[in-house]
Amino acid sequence: MERKGDFISTNIRYKKETEVVTFQGREITLENLSPVFTPEQEAAKRRELEQQLYEVFRKYADKRQKEEAGA
């Protein structure tokens, strides 16, 4: 079990997408792995992301208010 922030992940499955592209005359195989979450895991991940974004926006909003007050 792995813990990151408030989100605990256990045996997450991944969806694999494969695409062959041509780059500089060579064929390259691109593989994209996307996690497949249960609805509960998705909700927990969304809450974690929303909290992190809120903290970033609050930091910059506070900084901007201080700059405007000083101007």
C-alpha atoms as a PDB file:
ATOM      1  CA  MET A   1       0.000   0.000   0.000  1.00  0.00           C
ATOM      2  CA  GLU A   2       1.275   3.445  -0.908  1.00  0.00           C
ATOM      3  CA  ARG A   3       0.204   6.673   0.787  1.00  0.00           C
ATOM      4  CA  LYS A   4       0.423  10.057  -0.899  1.00  0.00           C
ATOM      5  CA  GLY A   5      -1.137  12.938   0.993  1.00  0.00           C
ATOM      6  CA  ASP A   6      -4.574  11.811   2.131  1.00  0.00           C
ATOM      7  CA  PHE A   7      -4.936   9.362  -0.751  1.00  0.00           C
ATOM      8  CA  ILE A   8      -4.164   5.702  -0.175  1.00  0.00           C
ATOM      9  CA  SER A   9      -3.687   3.626  -3.311  1.00  0.00           C
ATOM     10  CA  THR A  10      -3.863  -0.140  -3.474  1.00  0.00           C
ATOM     11  CA  ASN A  11      -3.328  -2.106  -6.659  1.00  0.00           C
ATOM     12  CA  ILE A  12      -4.391   0.526  -9.148  1.00  0.00           C
ATOM     13  CA  ARG A  13      -5.143  -0.838 -12.591  1.00  0.00           C
ATOM     14  CA  TYR A  14      -4.037   0.994 -15.713  1.00  0.00           C
ATOM     15  CA  LYS A  15      -5.575   1.373 -19.149  1.00  0.00           C
ATOM     16  CA  LYS A  16      -2.937   1.074 -21.864  1.00  0.00           C
ATOM     17  CA  GLU A  17      -3.189   2.997 -25.123  1.00  0.00           C
ATOM     18  CA  THR A  18      -0.642   2.293 -27.860  1.00  0.00           C
ATOM     19  CA  GLU A  19       0.008   4.414 -30.940  1.00  0.00           C
ATOM     20  CA  VAL A  20       2.683   4.196 -33.639  1.00  0.00           C
ATOM     21  CA  VAL A  21       3.905   7.570 -34.921  1.00  0.00           C
ATOM     22  CA  THR A  22       6.532   8.593 -37.438  1.00  0.00           C
ATOM     23  CA  PHE A  23       9.235  10.985 -36.262  1.00  0.00           C
ATOM     24  CA  GLN A  24      12.216  11.979 -38.402  1.00  0.00           C
ATOM     25  CA  GLY A  25      11.573   9.039 -40.711  1.00  0.00           C
ATOM     26  CA  ARG A  26      11.432   6.448 -37.919  1.00  0.00           C
ATOM     27  CA  GLU A  27       8.427   4.681 -36.485  1.00  0.00           C
ATOM     28  CA  ILE A  28       8.112   5.091 -32.743  1.00  0.00           C
ATOM     29  CA  THR A  29       5.655   3.231 -30.530  1.00  0.00           C
ATOM     30  CA  LEU A  30       4.057   5.443 -27.894  1.00  0.00           C
ATOM     31  CA  GLU A  31       2.418   3.827 -24.885  1.00  0.00           C
ATOM     32  CA  ASN A  32       0.192   5.812 -22.554  1.00  0.00           C
ATOM     33  CA  LEU A  33      -0.885   4.338 -19.218  1.00  0.00           C
ATOM     34  CA  SER A  34      -3.900   5.933 -17.514  1.00  0.00           C
ATOM     35  CA  PRO A  35      -5.015   4.883 -14.040  1.00  0.00           C
ATOM     36  CA  VAL A  36      -8.456   3.304 -13.705  1.00  0.00           C
ATOM     37  CA  PHE A  37      -9.937   4.369 -10.369  1.00  0.00           C
ATOM     38  CA  THR A  38     -12.981   3.152  -8.503  1.00  0.00           C
ATOM     39  CA  PRO A  39     -15.588   5.886  -7.911  1.00  0.00           C
ATOM     40  CA  GLU A  40     -14.379   6.207  -4.309  1.00  0.00           C
ATOM     41  CA  GLN A  41     -10.753   6.553  -5.398  1.00  0.00           C
ATOM     42  CA  GLU A  42     -11.770   9.088  -8.059  1.00  0.00           C
ATOM     43  CA  ALA A  43     -13.637  11.179  -5.460  1.00  0.00           C
ATOM     44  CA  ALA A  44     -10.696  11.063  -3.037  1.00  0.00           C
ATOM     45  CA  LYS A  45      -8.245  12.043  -5.787  1.00  0.00           C
ATOM     46  CA  ARG A  46     -10.516  14.897  -6.895  1.00  0.00           C
ATOM     47  CA  ARG A  47     -10.752  16.243  -3.307  1.00  0.00           C
ATOM     48  CA  GLU A  48      -6.965  16.053  -2.955  1.00  0.00           C
ATOM     49  CA  LEU A  49      -6.431  17.934  -6.229  1.00  0.00           C
ATOM     50  CA  GLU A  50      -9.048  20.565  -5.371  1.00  0.00           C
ATOM     51  CA  GLN A  51      -7.370  21.195  -2.013  1.00  0.00           C
ATOM     52  CA  GLN A  52      -3.951  21.571  -3.631  1.00  0.00           C
ATOM     53  CA  LEU A  53      -5.316  23.995  -6.239  1.00  0.00           C
ATOM     54  CA  TYR A  54      -7.107  25.999  -3.544  1.00  0.00           C
ATOM     55  CA  GLU A  55      -3.851  26.368  -1.620  1.00  0.00           C
ATOM     56  CA  VAL A  56      -2.029  27.615  -4.735  1.00  0.00           C
ATOM     57  CA  PHE A  57      -4.756  30.118  -5.652  1.00  0.00           C
ATOM     58  CA  ARG A  58      -5.006  31.335  -2.057  1.00  0.00           C
ATOM     59  CA  LYS A  59      -1.252  31.903  -1.966  1.00  0.00           C
ATOM     60  CA  TYR A  60      -1.302  34.056  -5.092  1.00  0.00           C
ATOM     61  CA  ALA A  61      -4.531  35.859  -4.168  1.00  0.00           C
ATOM     62  CA  ASP A  62      -3.028  36.826  -0.803  1.00  0.00           C
ATOM     63  CA  LYS A  63       0.136  38.020  -2.541  1.00  0.00           C
ATOM     64  CA  ARG A  64      -1.877  40.094  -5.025  1.00  0.00           C
ATOM     65  CA  GLN A  65      -4.017  41.677  -2.280  1.00  0.00           C
ATOM     66  CA  LYS A  66      -0.882  42.693  -0.392  1.00  0.00           C
ATOM     67  CA  GLU A  67       0.615  44.238  -3.547  1.00  0.00           C
ATOM     68  CA  GLU A  68      -2.590  46.169  -4.291  1.00  0.00           C
ATOM     69  CA  ALA A  69      -2.810  47.413  -0.703  1.00  0.00           C
ATOM     70  CA  GLY A  70       0.762  48.689  -0.902  1.00  0.00           C
ATOM     71  CA  ALA A  71       0.249  50.449  -4.253  1.00  0.00           C
END
